[in-house]
């Protein structure tokens, strides 16, 4: 795992947050069935989010950029990490691997052909059941 002393940011811990509290409150209200979000809960959720994003970026960097001696963290590094790690499965739809349009169209075509094959088989089975 990563040594915490070597990866700390160059600022002292403080009560301030990097993410705007008002934006986090808006997101929380839009995605949770809650009427009242206390300032303490809002602050904790904001800090937890910041720590998670830092962790995600650090792990993606260590998994890909550090090996290639490249200083740039790209979207593809994040998506590769999400696809490799079991504990990040919940992000698969949020950070999917990029695919080209023609690849997506091919996937759709295959899904449609498989669905029509399944429909044909179910129709054949139901006709034989009627006999």
N, C-alpha and C. Protein backbone atom coordinates (compact mmCIF):
# COMPACT_ATOMS: atom_id res chain seq x y z
N UNK A 1 0.84 -1.18 0.00
CA UNK A 1 0.00 0.00 0.00
C UNK A 1 0.88 1.24 0.00
N UNK A 2 0.30 2.40 -0.07
CA UNK A 2 1.03 3.65 -0.20
C UNK A 2 1.39 4.18 1.18
N UNK A 3 2.61 4.68 1.33
CA UNK A 3 3.04 5.28 2.57
C UNK A 3 2.36 6.63 2.74
N UNK A 4 1.63 6.80 3.84
CA UNK A 4 0.82 8.01 4.04
C UNK A 4 1.68 9.26 4.14
N UNK A 5 2.87 9.16 4.71
CA UNK A 5 3.73 10.34 4.87
C UNK A 5 4.19 10.87 3.52
N UNK A 6 4.45 10.00 2.57
CA UNK A 6 4.96 10.43 1.28
C UNK A 6 3.88 10.97 0.35
N UNK A 7 2.63 10.67 0.62
CA UNK A 7 1.57 11.06 -0.31
C UNK A 7 0.70 12.19 0.21
N UNK A 8 1.00 12.72 1.40
CA UNK A 8 0.21 13.82 1.94
C UNK A 8 0.40 15.06 1.08
N UNK A 9 -0.66 15.85 0.97
CA UNK A 9 -0.56 17.10 0.25
C UNK A 9 0.28 18.07 1.05
N UNK A 10 0.78 19.09 0.41
CA UNK A 10 1.69 20.02 1.06
C UNK A 10 0.96 21.10 1.85
N UNK A 11 -0.21 20.85 2.33
CA UNK A 11 -0.91 21.81 3.17
C UNK A 11 -1.26 21.16 4.50
N UNK A 12 -1.41 22.00 5.51
CA UNK A 12 -1.73 21.49 6.84
C UNK A 12 -3.22 21.15 6.90
N UNK A 13 -3.57 20.11 7.65
CA UNK A 13 -4.98 19.78 7.81
C UNK A 13 -5.74 20.95 8.43
N UNK A 14 -6.92 21.21 7.92
CA UNK A 14 -7.73 22.29 8.47
C UNK A 14 -9.19 21.90 8.38
N UNK A 15 -10.04 22.74 8.92
CA UNK A 15 -11.48 22.48 8.89
C UNK A 15 -12.07 22.82 7.52
N UNK A 16 -11.31 23.46 6.69
CA UNK A 16 -11.81 23.84 5.36
C UNK A 16 -11.87 22.64 4.44
N UNK A 17 -12.70 22.75 3.45
CA UNK A 17 -12.82 21.69 2.45
C UNK A 17 -12.49 22.25 1.08
N UNK A 18 -12.09 21.39 0.19
CA UNK A 18 -11.82 21.80 -1.18
C UNK A 18 -13.11 21.86 -1.98
N UNK A 19 -14.01 20.93 -1.73
CA UNK A 19 -15.29 20.91 -2.44
C UNK A 19 -16.26 21.90 -1.80
N UNK A 20 -17.07 22.56 -2.61
CA UNK A 20 -18.04 23.51 -2.04
C UNK A 20 -19.15 22.78 -1.29
N UNK A 21 -19.36 23.16 -0.05
CA UNK A 21 -20.38 22.52 0.77
C UNK A 21 -21.77 22.65 0.17
N UNK A 22 -22.07 23.79 -0.42
CA UNK A 22 -23.41 23.99 -0.99
C UNK A 22 -23.68 23.00 -2.12
N UNK A 23 -22.65 22.70 -2.92
CA UNK A 23 -22.82 21.76 -4.03
C UNK A 23 -23.01 20.34 -3.50
N UNK A 24 -22.27 19.98 -2.47
CA UNK A 24 -22.41 18.65 -1.87
C UNK A 24 -23.80 18.51 -1.26
N UNK A 25 -24.29 19.56 -0.61
CA UNK A 25 -25.63 19.53 -0.03
C UNK A 25 -26.68 19.31 -1.13
N UNK A 26 -26.52 20.00 -2.26
CA UNK A 26 -27.45 19.85 -3.38
C UNK A 26 -27.46 18.42 -3.90
N UNK A 27 -26.28 17.84 -4.03
CA UNK A 27 -26.17 16.46 -4.51
C UNK A 27 -26.80 15.50 -3.51
N UNK A 28 -26.54 15.72 -2.24
CA UNK A 28 -27.12 14.85 -1.22
C UNK A 28 -28.64 14.92 -1.23
N UNK A 29 -29.18 16.11 -1.36
CA UNK A 29 -30.64 16.26 -1.37
C UNK A 29 -31.26 15.62 -2.61
N UNK A 30 -30.53 15.65 -3.73
CA UNK A 30 -31.09 15.09 -4.96
C UNK A 30 -31.02 13.57 -4.99
N UNK A 31 -30.14 12.96 -4.22
CA UNK A 31 -29.96 11.52 -4.32
C UNK A 31 -30.37 10.75 -3.06
N UNK A 32 -30.83 11.42 -2.04
CA UNK A 32 -31.20 10.72 -0.82
C UNK A 32 -32.58 11.19 -0.36
N UNK A 33 -33.34 10.31 0.27
CA UNK A 33 -34.64 10.68 0.84
C UNK A 33 -34.42 11.27 2.22
N UNK A 34 -34.05 12.52 2.23
CA UNK A 34 -33.80 13.19 3.51
C UNK A 34 -34.25 14.63 3.40
N UNK A 35 -34.79 15.12 4.48
CA UNK A 35 -35.25 16.50 4.48
C UNK A 35 -34.21 17.43 5.05
N UNK A 36 -33.58 17.03 6.14
CA UNK A 36 -32.65 17.90 6.85
C UNK A 36 -31.26 17.29 6.84
N UNK A 37 -30.30 18.06 6.39
CA UNK A 37 -28.90 17.64 6.41
C UNK A 37 -28.17 18.60 7.35
N UNK A 38 -27.74 18.09 8.48
CA UNK A 38 -27.06 18.97 9.44
C UNK A 38 -25.69 19.38 8.91
N UNK A 39 -25.17 20.45 9.46
CA UNK A 39 -23.86 20.94 9.03
C UNK A 39 -22.76 19.93 9.33
N UNK A 40 -22.90 19.20 10.43
CA UNK A 40 -21.90 18.20 10.78
C UNK A 40 -21.87 17.06 9.75
N UNK A 41 -23.05 16.59 9.38
CA UNK A 41 -23.15 15.53 8.38
C UNK A 41 -22.62 16.02 7.04
N UNK A 42 -22.97 17.23 6.67
CA UNK A 42 -22.52 17.82 5.41
C UNK A 42 -20.99 17.91 5.38
N UNK A 43 -20.40 18.37 6.46
CA UNK A 43 -18.95 18.48 6.53
C UNK A 43 -18.29 17.10 6.42
N UNK A 44 -18.81 16.13 7.15
CA UNK A 44 -18.23 14.78 7.11
C UNK A 44 -18.35 14.15 5.73
N UNK A 45 -19.49 14.30 5.10
CA UNK A 45 -19.67 13.75 3.75
C UNK A 45 -18.72 14.43 2.76
N UNK A 46 -18.53 15.71 2.90
CA UNK A 46 -17.62 16.44 2.01
C UNK A 46 -16.19 15.97 2.20
N UNK A 47 -15.75 15.85 3.46
CA UNK A 47 -14.39 15.38 3.72
C UNK A 47 -14.19 13.94 3.25
N UNK A 48 -15.18 13.09 3.48
CA UNK A 48 -15.09 11.70 3.01
C UNK A 48 -14.99 11.64 1.50
N UNK A 49 -15.76 12.46 0.82
CA UNK A 49 -15.71 12.50 -0.64
C UNK A 49 -14.34 12.94 -1.12
N UNK A 50 -13.80 13.97 -0.50
CA UNK A 50 -12.47 14.45 -0.87
C UNK A 50 -11.42 13.37 -0.66
N UNK A 51 -11.49 12.68 0.46
CA UNK A 51 -10.53 11.61 0.74
C UNK A 51 -10.67 10.46 -0.24
N UNK A 52 -11.90 10.13 -0.60
CA UNK A 52 -12.12 9.04 -1.56
C UNK A 52 -11.56 9.42 -2.94
N UNK A 53 -11.80 10.64 -3.37
CA UNK A 53 -11.30 11.07 -4.68
C UNK A 53 -9.77 11.08 -4.67
N UNK A 54 -9.16 11.53 -3.58
CA UNK A 54 -7.70 11.50 -3.48
C UNK A 54 -7.19 10.06 -3.54
N UNK A 55 -7.85 9.17 -2.82
CA UNK A 55 -7.45 7.76 -2.82
C UNK A 55 -7.57 7.14 -4.21
N UNK A 56 -8.69 7.41 -4.86
CA UNK A 56 -8.92 6.88 -6.21
C UNK A 56 -7.86 7.38 -7.18
N UNK A 57 -7.57 8.66 -7.14
CA UNK A 57 -6.56 9.23 -8.03
C UNK A 57 -5.17 8.67 -7.72
N UNK A 58 -4.85 8.55 -6.45
CA UNK A 58 -3.54 8.02 -6.06
C UNK A 58 -3.37 6.58 -6.53
N UNK A 59 -4.39 5.75 -6.29
CA UNK A 59 -4.31 4.36 -6.70
C UNK A 59 -4.21 4.22 -8.22
N UNK A 60 -4.97 5.02 -8.95
CA UNK A 60 -4.91 4.97 -10.41
C UNK A 60 -3.54 5.41 -10.90
N UNK A 61 -2.99 6.43 -10.27
CA UNK A 61 -1.66 6.91 -10.65
C UNK A 61 -0.61 5.83 -10.39
N UNK A 62 -0.65 5.24 -9.21
CA UNK A 62 0.33 4.21 -8.87
C UNK A 62 0.20 2.98 -9.76
N UNK A 63 -1.02 2.66 -10.15
CA UNK A 63 -1.25 1.46 -10.96
C UNK A 63 -0.82 1.65 -12.41
N UNK A 64 -0.83 2.87 -12.91
CA UNK A 64 -0.55 3.04 -14.34
C UNK A 64 0.55 4.05 -14.62
N UNK A 65 0.43 5.24 -14.14
CA UNK A 65 1.37 6.30 -14.50
C UNK A 65 2.76 6.08 -13.94
N UNK A 66 2.85 5.61 -12.72
CA UNK A 66 4.15 5.41 -12.09
C UNK A 66 4.96 4.35 -12.84
N UNK A 67 4.29 3.34 -13.37
CA UNK A 67 4.98 2.28 -14.12
C UNK A 67 5.54 2.81 -15.43
N UNK A 68 4.84 3.76 -16.03
CA UNK A 68 5.23 4.27 -17.34
C UNK A 68 6.06 5.54 -17.26
N UNK A 69 6.42 5.97 -16.05
CA UNK A 69 7.14 7.21 -15.80
C UNK A 69 6.46 8.38 -16.52
N UNK A 70 5.15 8.40 -16.43
CA UNK A 70 4.35 9.45 -17.03
C UNK A 70 3.70 10.24 -15.90
N UNK A 71 3.70 11.55 -15.98
CA UNK A 71 3.17 12.37 -14.90
C UNK A 71 1.70 12.71 -15.08
N UNK A 72 1.08 12.29 -16.16
CA UNK A 72 -0.30 12.68 -16.44
C UNK A 72 -1.26 11.54 -16.13
N UNK A 73 -2.21 11.83 -15.26
CA UNK A 73 -3.27 10.87 -14.94
C UNK A 73 -4.42 11.12 -15.91
N UNK A 74 -4.84 10.09 -16.61
CA UNK A 74 -5.90 10.23 -17.62
C UNK A 74 -7.13 9.44 -17.21
N UNK A 75 -8.24 9.75 -17.87
CA UNK A 75 -9.49 9.06 -17.62
C UNK A 75 -9.33 7.56 -17.78
N UNK A 76 -8.60 7.13 -18.78
CA UNK A 76 -8.43 5.70 -19.03
C UNK A 76 -7.76 5.00 -17.84
N UNK A 77 -6.89 5.70 -17.12
CA UNK A 77 -6.25 5.11 -15.94
C UNK A 77 -7.27 4.87 -14.84
N UNK A 78 -8.18 5.82 -14.66
CA UNK A 78 -9.24 5.67 -13.66
C UNK A 78 -10.17 4.52 -14.04
N UNK A 79 -10.57 4.46 -15.30
CA UNK A 79 -11.49 3.41 -15.72
C UNK A 79 -10.85 2.03 -15.64
N UNK A 80 -9.57 1.94 -15.93
CA UNK A 80 -8.88 0.65 -15.80
C UNK A 80 -8.84 0.20 -14.36
N UNK A 81 -8.58 1.13 -13.45
CA UNK A 81 -8.56 0.79 -12.03
C UNK A 81 -9.94 0.32 -11.57
N UNK A 82 -10.98 1.02 -11.98
CA UNK A 82 -12.35 0.65 -11.58
C UNK A 82 -12.69 -0.73 -12.11
N UNK A 83 -12.26 -1.05 -13.32
CA UNK A 83 -12.54 -2.35 -13.90
C UNK A 83 -11.72 -3.48 -13.27
N UNK A 84 -10.55 -3.17 -12.73
CA UNK A 84 -9.70 -4.20 -12.14
C UNK A 84 -10.05 -4.51 -10.69
N UNK A 85 -10.50 -3.54 -9.96
CA UNK A 85 -10.70 -3.69 -8.52
C UNK A 85 -12.13 -4.07 -8.17
N UNK A 86 -12.28 -5.14 -7.44
CA UNK A 86 -13.59 -5.63 -7.02
C UNK A 86 -14.30 -4.62 -6.11
N UNK A 87 -13.54 -3.95 -5.25
CA UNK A 87 -14.15 -3.01 -4.31
C UNK A 87 -14.60 -1.70 -4.97
N UNK A 88 -14.30 -1.53 -6.25
CA UNK A 88 -14.73 -0.33 -6.97
C UNK A 88 -15.82 -0.63 -8.01
N UNK A 89 -16.41 -1.83 -7.92
CA UNK A 89 -17.45 -2.22 -8.88
C UNK A 89 -18.61 -1.24 -8.94
N UNK A 90 -18.90 -0.59 -7.82
CA UNK A 90 -20.02 0.34 -7.79
C UNK A 90 -19.82 1.54 -8.70
N UNK A 91 -18.59 1.74 -9.19
CA UNK A 91 -18.29 2.85 -10.09
C UNK A 91 -18.28 2.44 -11.57
N UNK A 92 -18.59 1.19 -11.86
CA UNK A 92 -18.49 0.72 -13.25
C UNK A 92 -19.34 1.53 -14.23
N UNK A 93 -20.54 1.92 -13.82
CA UNK A 93 -21.38 2.70 -14.73
C UNK A 93 -21.02 4.18 -14.73
N UNK A 94 -20.35 4.62 -13.69
CA UNK A 94 -19.97 6.03 -13.59
C UNK A 94 -18.65 6.30 -14.30
N UNK A 95 -17.72 5.35 -14.23
CA UNK A 95 -16.41 5.49 -14.85
C UNK A 95 -16.17 4.29 -15.77
N UNK A 96 -16.95 4.16 -16.83
CA UNK A 96 -16.77 3.00 -17.72
C UNK A 96 -15.56 3.18 -18.62
N UNK A 97 -15.10 2.07 -19.17
CA UNK A 97 -14.03 2.16 -20.17
C UNK A 97 -14.60 2.79 -21.42
N UNK A 98 -13.81 3.63 -22.05
CA UNK A 98 -14.26 4.26 -23.29
C UNK A 98 -14.22 3.23 -24.41
N UNK A 99 -15.25 3.29 -25.25
CA UNK A 99 -15.25 2.46 -26.45
C UNK A 99 -15.62 3.33 -27.64
N UNK A 100 -15.23 2.90 -28.80
CA UNK A 100 -15.53 3.66 -30.01
C UNK A 100 -16.97 3.40 -30.44
N UNK A 101 -17.51 4.31 -31.22
CA UNK A 101 -18.90 4.22 -31.65
C UNK A 101 -19.14 2.93 -32.42
N UNK A 102 -18.25 2.58 -33.32
CA UNK A 102 -18.46 1.36 -34.11
C UNK A 102 -18.44 0.11 -33.23
N UNK A 103 -17.65 0.12 -32.15
CA UNK A 103 -17.64 -1.01 -31.22
C UNK A 103 -18.98 -1.11 -30.49
N UNK A 104 -19.52 0.05 -30.09
CA UNK A 104 -20.81 0.08 -29.42
C UNK A 104 -21.92 -0.40 -30.36
N UNK A 105 -21.88 0.04 -31.61
CA UNK A 105 -22.88 -0.40 -32.58
C UNK A 105 -22.81 -1.90 -32.81
N UNK A 106 -21.62 -2.45 -32.82
CA UNK A 106 -21.45 -3.89 -32.98
C UNK A 106 -22.04 -4.63 -31.77
N UNK A 107 -21.81 -4.08 -30.57
CA UNK A 107 -22.37 -4.69 -29.37
C UNK A 107 -23.90 -4.67 -29.43
N UNK A 108 -24.48 -3.57 -29.86
CA UNK A 108 -25.93 -3.48 -29.99
C UNK A 108 -26.46 -4.49 -31.00
N UNK A 109 -25.77 -4.60 -32.13
CA UNK A 109 -26.19 -5.54 -33.17
C UNK A 109 -26.17 -6.97 -32.63
N UNK A 110 -25.11 -7.32 -31.90
CA UNK A 110 -25.02 -8.67 -31.33
C UNK A 110 -26.11 -8.91 -30.30
N UNK A 111 -26.39 -7.92 -29.46
CA UNK A 111 -27.45 -8.06 -28.46
C UNK A 111 -28.81 -8.25 -29.13
N UNK A 112 -29.05 -7.50 -30.19
CA UNK A 112 -30.32 -7.63 -30.90
C UNK A 112 -30.45 -8.99 -31.55
N UNK A 113 -29.37 -9.45 -32.15
CA UNK A 113 -29.44 -10.76 -32.81
C UNK A 113 -29.61 -11.87 -31.77
N UNK A 114 -28.97 -11.74 -30.62
CA UNK A 114 -29.15 -12.73 -29.55
C UNK A 114 -30.57 -12.69 -29.01
N UNK A 115 -31.13 -11.51 -28.89
CA UNK A 115 -32.50 -11.37 -28.39
C UNK A 115 -33.49 -11.98 -29.38
N UNK A 116 -33.26 -11.76 -30.66
CA UNK A 116 -34.18 -12.34 -31.65
C UNK A 116 -34.03 -13.86 -31.71
N UNK A 117 -32.81 -14.38 -31.50
CA UNK A 117 -32.61 -15.83 -31.44
C UNK A 117 -33.34 -16.42 -30.25
N UNK A 118 -33.28 -15.73 -29.10
CA UNK A 118 -33.98 -16.19 -27.91
C UNK A 118 -35.49 -16.18 -28.13
N UNK A 119 -36.00 -15.15 -28.80
CA UNK A 119 -37.42 -15.07 -29.10
C UNK A 119 -37.85 -16.21 -30.01
N UNK A 120 -37.02 -16.52 -31.02
CA UNK A 120 -37.34 -17.61 -31.94
C UNK A 120 -37.40 -18.94 -31.20
N UNK A 121 -36.45 -19.15 -30.27
CA UNK A 121 -36.43 -20.40 -29.52
C UNK A 121 -37.64 -20.51 -28.61
N UNK A 122 -38.02 -19.42 -27.97
CA UNK A 122 -39.18 -19.47 -27.06
C UNK A 122 -40.47 -19.69 -27.86
N UNK A 123 -40.55 -19.13 -29.06
CA UNK A 123 -41.73 -19.36 -29.90
C UNK A 123 -41.80 -20.82 -30.33
N UNK A 124 -40.67 -21.41 -30.69
CA UNK A 124 -40.63 -22.81 -31.11
C UNK A 124 -41.02 -23.71 -29.94
N UNK A 125 -40.54 -23.40 -28.76
CA UNK A 125 -40.89 -24.21 -27.58
C UNK A 125 -42.36 -24.11 -27.26
N UNK A 126 -42.95 -22.92 -27.37
CA UNK A 126 -44.37 -22.76 -27.05
C UNK A 126 -45.25 -23.44 -28.09
N UNK A 127 -44.80 -23.47 -29.35
CA UNK A 127 -45.57 -24.15 -30.39
C UNK A 127 -45.56 -25.65 -30.15
N UNK A 128 -44.42 -26.20 -29.72
CA UNK A 128 -44.34 -27.64 -29.48
C UNK A 128 -45.14 -28.01 -28.23
N UNK A 129 -45.25 -27.09 -27.26
CA UNK A 129 -46.06 -27.33 -26.08
C UNK A 129 -47.54 -27.38 -26.43
N UNK A 130 -47.96 -26.60 -27.43
CA UNK A 130 -49.38 -26.57 -27.85
C UNK A 130 -49.79 -27.86 -28.50
N UNK A 131 -48.86 -28.59 -29.08
CA UNK A 131 -49.19 -29.81 -29.81
C UNK A 131 -49.40 -30.91 -28.86
